[in-house]
Amino acid sequence: MEEEQYSIPMLGNQLSERFGQDIAYTTVQKCQNHCISSYSEGSLLPTEEKCLRNCFLKSYDFFKYADEEIKFFLRQKQ
C-alpha cells in the first residue's frame, strides 16, 4: 500500500483560500453583534465606530498571530 504524499504548503494555501472568506464573515458578524446597539441605519454612534474598529483590529492581530504560529508549525514538520 502506497502512502499518500501531501504538499504542506499547498494544503496550507487551500485551507487559507477555503476558510479566509468564512473567517471574514464570522469576524464581521461577531463585531457587529458585539458593537452595534443603536437602531440608526444611516450612521454609527462614536462608541459603536470605536468598538468596531477595535474589534476588527484585534481580530486581525489574532488571525495574523495564529497564521504565524501555523506557518512555524508547518516549517518544523518539513
Protein backbone atom coordinates (compact mmCIF):
# COMPACT_ATOMS: atom_id res chain seq x y z
CA MET A 1 0.00 0.00 0.00
CA GLU A 2 1.45 3.36 -1.02
CA GLU A 3 1.45 6.21 1.41
CA GLU A 4 -0.11 9.38 0.01
CA GLN A 5 2.22 12.34 -0.32
CA TYR A 6 0.95 15.76 0.63
CA SER A 7 2.47 19.14 -0.04
CA ILE A 8 2.20 21.01 3.25
CA PRO A 9 2.44 24.49 1.63
CA MET A 10 -0.20 23.52 -0.93
CA LEU A 11 -2.55 22.25 1.78
CA GLY A 12 -1.97 25.45 3.74
CA ASN A 13 -2.87 27.56 0.71
CA GLN A 14 -6.02 25.53 0.08
CA LEU A 15 -7.12 25.90 3.70
CA SER A 16 -6.40 29.62 3.59
CA GLU A 17 -8.48 30.09 0.43
CA ARG A 18 -11.33 27.96 1.72
CA PHE A 19 -11.61 29.44 5.20
CA GLY A 20 -10.50 33.02 4.51
CA GLN A 21 -13.99 34.06 3.50
CA ASP A 22 -15.56 32.18 6.42
CA ILE A 23 -13.23 33.92 8.87
CA ALA A 24 -14.04 37.33 7.39
CA TYR A 25 -17.77 36.64 7.59
CA THR A 26 -17.67 35.43 11.20
CA THR A 27 -15.47 38.38 12.20
CA VAL A 28 -17.95 40.86 10.74
CA GLN A 29 -20.86 39.06 12.42
CA LYS A 30 -19.09 38.91 15.78
CA CYS A 31 -18.07 42.56 15.72
CA GLN A 32 -21.48 43.69 14.51
CA ASN A 33 -23.32 41.71 17.20
CA HIS A 34 -20.97 42.95 19.90
CA CYS A 35 -20.71 46.63 18.93
CA ILE A 36 -23.94 47.78 17.30
CA SER A 37 -26.52 48.90 19.83
CA SER A 38 -28.42 51.71 18.09
CA TYR A 39 -31.16 51.27 15.55
CA SER A 40 -29.98 54.04 13.23
CA GLU A 41 -29.35 52.67 9.75
CA GLY A 42 -27.62 55.73 8.34
CA SER A 43 -24.80 56.26 10.81
CA LEU A 44 -22.89 54.82 13.72
CA LEU A 45 -22.56 56.26 17.18
CA PRO A 46 -18.97 57.28 18.04
CA THR A 47 -18.83 54.45 20.60
CA GLU A 48 -20.02 51.93 18.01
CA GLU A 49 -17.45 53.12 15.48
CA LYS A 50 -14.63 52.84 18.03
CA CYS A 51 -15.83 49.41 19.16
CA LEU A 52 -15.96 48.12 15.57
CA ARG A 53 -12.51 49.47 14.78
CA ASN A 54 -11.05 47.84 17.89
CA CYS A 55 -12.86 44.56 17.24
CA PHE A 56 -11.56 44.33 13.65
CA LEU A 57 -8.02 45.26 14.68
CA LYS A 58 -7.96 42.70 17.50
CA SER A 59 -9.38 40.02 15.21
CA TYR A 60 -6.77 40.84 12.56
CA ASP A 61 -3.98 40.69 15.15
CA PHE A 62 -5.27 37.35 16.45
CA PHE A 63 -5.51 35.77 13.00
CA LYS A 64 -2.12 37.18 11.99
CA TYR A 65 -0.60 35.63 15.14
CA ALA A 66 -2.38 32.31 14.53
CA ASP A 67 -1.21 32.30 10.90
CA GLU A 68 2.40 32.83 12.00
CA GLU A 69 2.09 30.01 14.54
CA ILE A 70 0.70 27.64 11.89
CA LYS A 71 3.49 28.57 9.46
CA PHE A 72 6.08 27.91 12.18
CA PHE A 73 4.48 24.55 12.98
CA LEU A 74 4.43 23.56 9.31
CA ARG A 75 8.08 24.54 8.85
CA GLN A 76 9.01 22.33 11.80
CA LYS A 77 7.20 19.37 10.22
CA GLN A 78 9.12 19.59 6.93
